[in-house]
Each structure stands twice: as structure tokens, then as C-alpha cells.
Amino acid sequence: MSRPVSTRDLLPAERAFAAALTGLGFGRFEYLRIARGELVLDPWPTAVRDLKFGCASAAPVKPAPGDFALKPQVAELFEYVRAVDEGEIRCLEVRHGLPFSMEIEHRPGGDGGRRD
């Protein structure tokens, strides 16, 4: 699959997870399974929110209603996930409601289950 451009291009699980990224704001998701190029959200992955004390906190960004263009980081995340046959994202770091970095399990063969 190609890189999604807008919410209209997202699968239902991707749409739900994009909303969860925005809602988390800062933190991480742990143990996100990938099966046949899709995120497995049942059971829901562990979400860990980062909080800092003594500094101004930014309120989480509210998701825009309807169809809208995806930020490049979100599009890149889903493009990568869609290319993985089977795998697990051990940790997906989220900053400002956007994917920032991730650790993904790599299986023998070195491709991480990718199906390019």
C-alpha cells in the first residue's frame, strides 16, 4: 500500500489509533502488534503518558472533525506498518500528539517482517 495522505485513506484501526496519538499528547504506546500490515488494537496497547511538573503544560490537541490531511509523521508511521507482515512495535514514542520514534522487533532475516 502507498503512504496515506488524509484520514480518508486510513483503515478503521489506523483512524482509531491516530485519534489515540492526538489524545495522548506526550508519552508512548507499548507492545503494538502488527498482523498482515494492520495494527491489532484488541487488546488495546498499553499507553503511558509523560507528565512534567513545574512547567507550563500544553493541552492535548483535539482531533479535527471530518476529513483532513495527515501530518507527515503519521503518514510515515502507517506506511511503515502497512509494509510489515507480522511484527510488534515494542515502544512508539509520541510527542505533541505525533509519532516521534519507535522500537520494532526484528526477526531473524533482518527485515522485521517487512513485505516490501
N, C-alpha and C. Protein backbone atom coordinates (compact mmCIF):
# COMPACT_ATOMS: atom_id res chain seq x y z
N MET A 1 0.84 -1.19 0.00
CA MET A 1 0.00 0.00 0.00
C MET A 1 0.87 1.24 0.00
N SER A 2 0.35 2.30 -0.53
CA SER A 2 1.10 3.55 -0.57
C SER A 2 0.88 4.33 0.73
N ARG A 3 1.61 5.40 0.85
CA ARG A 3 1.50 6.26 2.03
C ARG A 3 0.14 6.95 2.04
N PRO A 4 -0.59 6.89 3.15
CA PRO A 4 -1.87 7.60 3.23
C PRO A 4 -1.62 9.11 3.26
N VAL A 5 -2.54 9.86 2.68
CA VAL A 5 -2.40 11.31 2.60
C VAL A 5 -3.38 12.02 3.53
N SER A 6 -4.59 11.47 3.65
CA SER A 6 -5.60 12.10 4.50
C SER A 6 -6.31 11.02 5.31
N THR A 7 -7.15 11.45 6.23
CA THR A 7 -7.90 10.50 7.06
C THR A 7 -8.79 9.61 6.20
N ARG A 8 -9.16 10.09 5.05
CA ARG A 8 -9.99 9.30 4.13
C ARG A 8 -9.26 8.03 3.68
N ASP A 9 -7.92 8.06 3.68
CA ASP A 9 -7.11 6.93 3.23
C ASP A 9 -6.82 5.91 4.33
N LEU A 10 -7.28 6.18 5.55
CA LEU A 10 -6.95 5.31 6.68
C LEU A 10 -7.92 4.14 6.83
N LEU A 11 -7.37 3.03 7.29
CA LEU A 11 -8.18 1.88 7.68
C LEU A 11 -8.82 2.20 9.03
N PRO A 12 -9.90 1.51 9.42
CA PRO A 12 -10.56 1.82 10.69
C PRO A 12 -9.61 1.79 11.90
N ALA A 13 -8.73 0.78 11.98
CA ALA A 13 -7.79 0.70 13.10
C ALA A 13 -6.80 1.88 13.08
N GLU A 14 -6.38 2.29 11.89
CA GLU A 14 -5.47 3.42 11.77
C GLU A 14 -6.15 4.71 12.22
N ARG A 15 -7.41 4.87 11.84
CA ARG A 15 -8.17 6.06 12.23
C ARG A 15 -8.30 6.13 13.76
N ALA A 16 -8.61 5.00 14.39
CA ALA A 16 -8.73 4.96 15.85
C ALA A 16 -7.40 5.25 16.52
N PHE A 17 -6.33 4.71 15.97
CA PHE A 17 -5.02 4.91 16.58
C PHE A 17 -4.54 6.35 16.38
N ALA A 18 -4.83 6.95 15.24
CA ALA A 18 -4.46 8.35 15.00
C ALA A 18 -5.13 9.25 16.04
N ALA A 19 -6.38 8.98 16.36
CA ALA A 19 -7.08 9.75 17.40
C ALA A 19 -6.43 9.53 18.77
N ALA A 20 -5.98 8.30 19.04
CA ALA A 20 -5.34 8.00 20.31
C ALA A 20 -3.98 8.71 20.43
N LEU A 21 -3.25 8.82 19.33
CA LEU A 21 -1.98 9.56 19.33
C LEU A 21 -2.22 11.00 19.76
N THR A 22 -3.20 11.62 19.13
CA THR A 22 -3.53 13.00 19.44
C THR A 22 -3.95 13.15 20.90
N GLY A 23 -4.77 12.22 21.38
CA GLY A 23 -5.24 12.27 22.76
C GLY A 23 -4.14 12.08 23.79
N LEU A 24 -3.12 11.28 23.45
CA LEU A 24 -2.03 11.04 24.39
C LEU A 24 -1.16 12.27 24.57
N GLY A 25 -0.90 12.97 23.50
CA GLY A 25 -0.07 14.18 23.59
C GLY A 25 1.41 13.85 23.69
N PHE A 26 1.86 13.49 24.90
CA PHE A 26 3.25 13.13 25.16
C PHE A 26 3.26 11.81 25.90
N GLY A 27 4.09 10.88 25.47
CA GLY A 27 4.19 9.59 26.13
C GLY A 27 4.62 8.52 25.16
N ARG A 28 4.07 7.33 25.38
CA ARG A 28 4.43 6.23 24.49
C ARG A 28 3.33 5.17 24.50
N PHE A 29 3.29 4.42 23.42
CA PHE A 29 2.48 3.22 23.33
C PHE A 29 3.43 2.04 23.33
N GLU A 30 3.07 0.99 24.03
CA GLU A 30 3.93 -0.18 24.14
C GLU A 30 3.21 -1.41 23.61
N TYR A 31 3.98 -2.29 22.99
CA TYR A 31 3.51 -3.60 22.54
C TYR A 31 2.33 -3.52 21.57
N LEU A 32 2.56 -2.82 20.46
CA LEU A 32 1.57 -2.73 19.39
C LEU A 32 1.83 -3.85 18.40
N ARG A 33 0.93 -4.79 18.33
CA ARG A 33 1.09 -5.89 17.37
C ARG A 33 0.68 -5.44 15.99
N ILE A 34 1.36 -6.03 15.00
CA ILE A 34 1.05 -5.80 13.59
C ILE A 34 0.78 -7.16 12.96
N ALA A 35 -0.34 -7.28 12.29
CA ALA A 35 -0.69 -8.51 11.59
C ALA A 35 -1.18 -8.16 10.19
N ARG A 36 -0.54 -8.73 9.18
CA ARG A 36 -0.90 -8.51 7.78
C ARG A 36 -0.99 -7.02 7.43
N GLY A 37 -0.02 -6.24 7.96
CA GLY A 37 0.05 -4.83 7.62
C GLY A 37 -0.93 -3.93 8.34
N GLU A 38 -1.58 -4.45 9.40
CA GLU A 38 -2.52 -3.64 10.16
C GLU A 38 -2.21 -3.69 11.65
N LEU A 39 -2.44 -2.58 12.34
CA LEU A 39 -2.31 -2.57 13.78
C LEU A 39 -3.40 -3.42 14.40
N VAL A 40 -3.04 -4.22 15.40
CA VAL A 40 -4.01 -5.02 16.14
C VAL A 40 -4.31 -4.26 17.43
N LEU A 41 -5.53 -3.76 17.56
CA LEU A 41 -5.89 -2.92 18.70
C LEU A 41 -6.77 -3.62 19.72
N ASP A 42 -6.90 -4.94 19.60
CA ASP A 42 -7.67 -5.72 20.58
C ASP A 42 -6.79 -6.88 21.04
N PRO A 43 -6.26 -6.80 22.24
CA PRO A 43 -6.48 -5.77 23.27
C PRO A 43 -5.74 -4.48 22.93
N TRP A 44 -6.26 -3.40 23.50
CA TRP A 44 -5.67 -2.08 23.25
C TRP A 44 -4.25 -2.05 23.81
N PRO A 45 -3.31 -1.46 23.07
CA PRO A 45 -1.92 -1.41 23.57
C PRO A 45 -1.80 -0.53 24.81
N THR A 46 -0.78 -0.79 25.60
CA THR A 46 -0.53 0.00 26.80
C THR A 46 -0.12 1.41 26.39
N ALA A 47 -0.76 2.40 27.00
CA ALA A 47 -0.41 3.80 26.77
C ALA A 47 0.17 4.36 28.07
N VAL A 48 1.31 5.02 27.96
CA VAL A 48 1.98 5.63 29.11
C VAL A 48 2.13 7.11 28.81
N ARG A 49 1.48 7.95 29.63
CA ARG A 49 1.52 9.40 29.40
C ARG A 49 2.69 10.00 30.18
N ASP A 50 3.44 10.89 29.54
CA ASP A 50 4.51 11.63 30.20
C ASP A 50 3.94 12.92 30.76
N LEU A 51 4.24 13.18 32.03
CA LEU A 51 3.82 14.43 32.68
C LEU A 51 5.04 15.07 33.31
N LYS A 52 5.16 16.38 33.20
CA LYS A 52 6.23 17.12 33.84
C LYS A 52 5.61 18.13 34.79
N PHE A 53 6.20 18.24 35.96
CA PHE A 53 5.69 19.17 36.96
C PHE A 53 6.54 20.44 36.99
N GLY A 54 5.91 21.54 37.35
CA GLY A 54 6.62 22.79 37.46
C GLY A 54 6.87 23.51 36.15
N CYS A 55 6.19 23.10 35.12
CA CYS A 55 6.33 23.80 33.84
C CYS A 55 4.95 23.91 33.21
N ALA A 56 4.83 24.85 32.32
CA ALA A 56 3.55 25.03 31.64
C ALA A 56 3.26 23.80 30.79
N SER A 57 2.08 23.26 30.96
CA SER A 57 1.72 22.08 30.17
C SER A 57 0.80 22.49 29.03
N ALA A 58 1.08 21.92 27.91
CA ALA A 58 0.24 22.19 26.74
C ALA A 58 -0.93 21.22 26.75
N ALA A 59 -2.11 21.75 26.50
CA ALA A 59 -3.29 20.90 26.43
C ALA A 59 -3.19 20.01 25.20
N PRO A 60 -3.68 18.75 25.30
CA PRO A 60 -3.66 17.88 24.12
C PRO A 60 -4.42 18.51 22.96
N VAL A 61 -3.92 18.28 21.78
CA VAL A 61 -4.56 18.79 20.57
C VAL A 61 -5.84 17.98 20.33
N LYS A 62 -6.92 18.69 20.06
CA LYS A 62 -8.17 18.00 19.78
C LYS A 62 -8.20 17.58 18.32
N PRO A 63 -8.66 16.34 18.05
CA PRO A 63 -8.71 15.89 16.66
C PRO A 63 -9.68 16.75 15.84
N ALA A 64 -9.28 17.02 14.62
CA ALA A 64 -10.14 17.79 13.72
C ALA A 64 -11.29 16.91 13.24
N PRO A 65 -12.48 17.47 13.15
CA PRO A 65 -13.61 16.67 12.66
C PRO A 65 -13.51 16.46 11.15
N GLY A 66 -14.11 15.38 10.70
CA GLY A 66 -14.17 15.11 9.26
C GLY A 66 -12.84 14.69 8.67
N ASP A 67 -12.71 14.90 7.38
CA ASP A 67 -11.52 14.50 6.64
C ASP A 67 -10.49 15.62 6.67
N PHE A 68 -9.23 15.25 6.91
CA PHE A 68 -8.16 16.24 6.90
C PHE A 68 -6.86 15.57 6.50
N ALA A 69 -5.92 16.39 6.06
CA ALA A 69 -4.61 15.89 5.64
C ALA A 69 -3.83 15.39 6.85
N LEU A 70 -3.10 14.30 6.66
CA LEU A 70 -2.29 13.74 7.73
C LEU A 70 -0.96 14.48 7.82
N LYS A 71 -0.46 14.62 9.04
CA LYS A 71 0.89 15.14 9.24
C LYS A 71 1.86 14.10 8.68
N PRO A 72 3.00 14.54 8.17
CA PRO A 72 3.96 13.59 7.57
C PRO A 72 4.37 12.45 8.50
N GLN A 73 4.51 12.73 9.80
CA GLN A 73 4.93 11.69 10.74
C GLN A 73 3.88 10.58 10.85
N VAL A 74 2.62 10.95 10.85
CA VAL A 74 1.53 9.97 10.95
C VAL A 74 1.47 9.14 9.67
N ALA A 75 1.57 9.80 8.53
CA ALA A 75 1.56 9.09 7.24
C ALA A 75 2.73 8.12 7.16
N GLU A 76 3.91 8.54 7.61
CA GLU A 76 5.09 7.67 7.56
C GLU A 76 4.93 6.45 8.48
N LEU A 77 4.36 6.66 9.68
CA LEU A 77 4.11 5.55 10.59
C LEU A 77 3.21 4.51 9.93
N PHE A 78 2.09 4.93 9.37
CA PHE A 78 1.16 3.97 8.78
C PHE A 78 1.72 3.33 7.52
N GLU A 79 2.51 4.07 6.76
CA GLU A 79 3.16 3.49 5.59
C GLU A 79 4.10 2.35 6.03
N TYR A 80 4.83 2.57 7.10
CA TYR A 80 5.75 1.54 7.61
C TYR A 80 4.96 0.33 8.10
N VAL A 81 3.92 0.57 8.90
CA VAL A 81 3.11 -0.53 9.44
C VAL A 81 2.50 -1.36 8.32
N ARG A 82 2.00 -0.71 7.28
CA ARG A 82 1.38 -1.43 6.18
C ARG A 82 2.35 -2.34 5.44
N ALA A 83 3.65 -2.04 5.56
CA ALA A 83 4.67 -2.86 4.89
C ALA A 83 5.15 -4.03 5.74
N VAL A 84 4.65 -4.14 6.98
CA VAL A 84 5.08 -5.22 7.89
C VAL A 84 4.03 -6.32 7.87
N ASP A 85 4.45 -7.54 7.57
CA ASP A 85 3.53 -8.67 7.57
C ASP A 85 3.15 -9.06 9.00
N GLU A 86 4.13 -9.38 9.82
CA GLU A 86 3.91 -9.73 11.22
C GLU A 86 5.01 -9.08 12.04
N GLY A 87 4.66 -8.48 13.15
CA GLY A 87 5.68 -7.88 14.00
C GLY A 87 5.07 -7.23 15.21
N GLU A 88 5.93 -6.53 15.94
CA GLU A 88 5.47 -5.85 17.14
C GLU A 88 6.31 -4.60 17.35
N ILE A 89 5.61 -3.49 17.52
CA ILE A 89 6.28 -2.25 17.89
C ILE A 89 6.40 -2.31 19.41
N ARG A 90 7.63 -2.41 19.90
CA ARG A 90 7.84 -2.51 21.35
C ARG A 90 7.52 -1.19 22.04
N CYS A 91 7.92 -0.09 21.42
CA CYS A 91 7.68 1.23 22.02
C CYS A 91 7.56 2.26 20.91
N LEU A 92 6.48 3.02 20.93
CA LEU A 92 6.26 4.11 19.99
C LEU A 92 6.20 5.39 20.81
N GLU A 93 7.22 6.22 20.68
CA GLU A 93 7.28 7.47 21.43
C GLU A 93 6.44 8.53 20.72
N VAL A 94 5.66 9.26 21.52
CA VAL A 94 4.74 10.26 21.00
C VAL A 94 5.10 11.62 21.60
N ARG A 95 5.24 12.62 20.75
CA ARG A 95 5.49 14.00 21.19
C ARG A 95 4.54 14.91 20.44
N HIS A 96 3.87 15.78 21.18
CA HIS A 96 2.90 16.72 20.61
C HIS A 96 1.82 15.98 19.81
N GLY A 97 1.45 14.78 20.26
CA GLY A 97 0.40 14.01 19.59
C GLY A 97 0.82 13.35 18.29
N LEU A 98 2.14 13.35 18.01
CA LEU A 98 2.64 12.78 16.76
C LEU A 98 3.66 11.69 17.06
N PRO A 99 3.72 10.66 16.22
CA PRO A 99 4.76 9.65 16.41
C PRO A 99 6.13 10.30 16.23
N PHE A 100 7.04 9.99 17.16
CA PHE A 100 8.38 10.59 17.12
C PHE A 100 9.44 9.55 16.79
N SER A 101 9.40 8.42 17.47
CA SER A 101 10.34 7.33 17.20
C SER A 101 9.73 6.03 17.67
N MET A 102 10.28 4.91 17.21
CA MET A 102 9.76 3.62 17.65
C MET A 102 10.86 2.59 17.68
N GLU A 103 10.62 1.59 18.51
CA GLU A 103 11.45 0.39 18.56
C GLU A 103 10.57 -0.73 18.08
N ILE A 104 11.03 -1.45 17.06
CA ILE A 104 10.23 -2.54 16.49
C ILE A 104 11.02 -3.83 16.55
N GLU A 105 10.35 -4.91 16.88
CA GLU A 105 11.00 -6.22 16.95
C GLU A 105 11.42 -6.65 15.56
N HIS A 106 12.67 -7.05 15.45
CA HIS A 106 13.17 -7.58 14.19
C HIS A 106 13.38 -9.08 14.34
N ARG A 107 12.88 -9.82 13.40
CA ARG A 107 13.00 -11.27 13.42
C ARG A 107 14.25 -11.69 12.65
N PRO A 108 14.67 -12.95 12.81
CA PRO A 108 15.81 -13.42 12.01
C PRO A 108 15.55 -13.16 10.53
N GLY A 109 16.57 -12.78 9.86
CA GLY A 109 16.44 -12.40 8.45
C GLY A 109 16.60 -10.91 8.29
N GLY A 110 16.47 -10.16 9.40
CA GLY A 110 16.77 -8.75 9.41
C GLY A 110 15.74 -7.83 8.78
N ASP A 111 14.61 -8.35 8.28
CA ASP A 111 13.67 -7.47 7.62
C ASP A 111 12.54 -7.01 8.55
N GLY A 112 12.50 -7.51 9.80
CA GLY A 112 11.46 -7.10 10.73
C GLY A 112 10.08 -7.51 10.28
N GLY A 113 10.00 -8.52 9.42
CA GLY A 113 8.69 -8.95 8.93
C GLY A 113 8.17 -8.12 7.79
N ARG A 114 9.00 -7.21 7.27
CA ARG A 114 8.53 -6.34 6.17
C ARG A 114 8.27 -7.14 4.92
N ARG A 115 7.31 -6.71 4.19
CA ARG A 115 6.93 -7.40 2.96
C ARG A 115 7.04 -6.48 1.75
N ASP A 116 8.14 -5.78 1.64
CA ASP A 116 8.37 -4.84 0.52
C ASP A 116 8.39 -5.56 -0.79
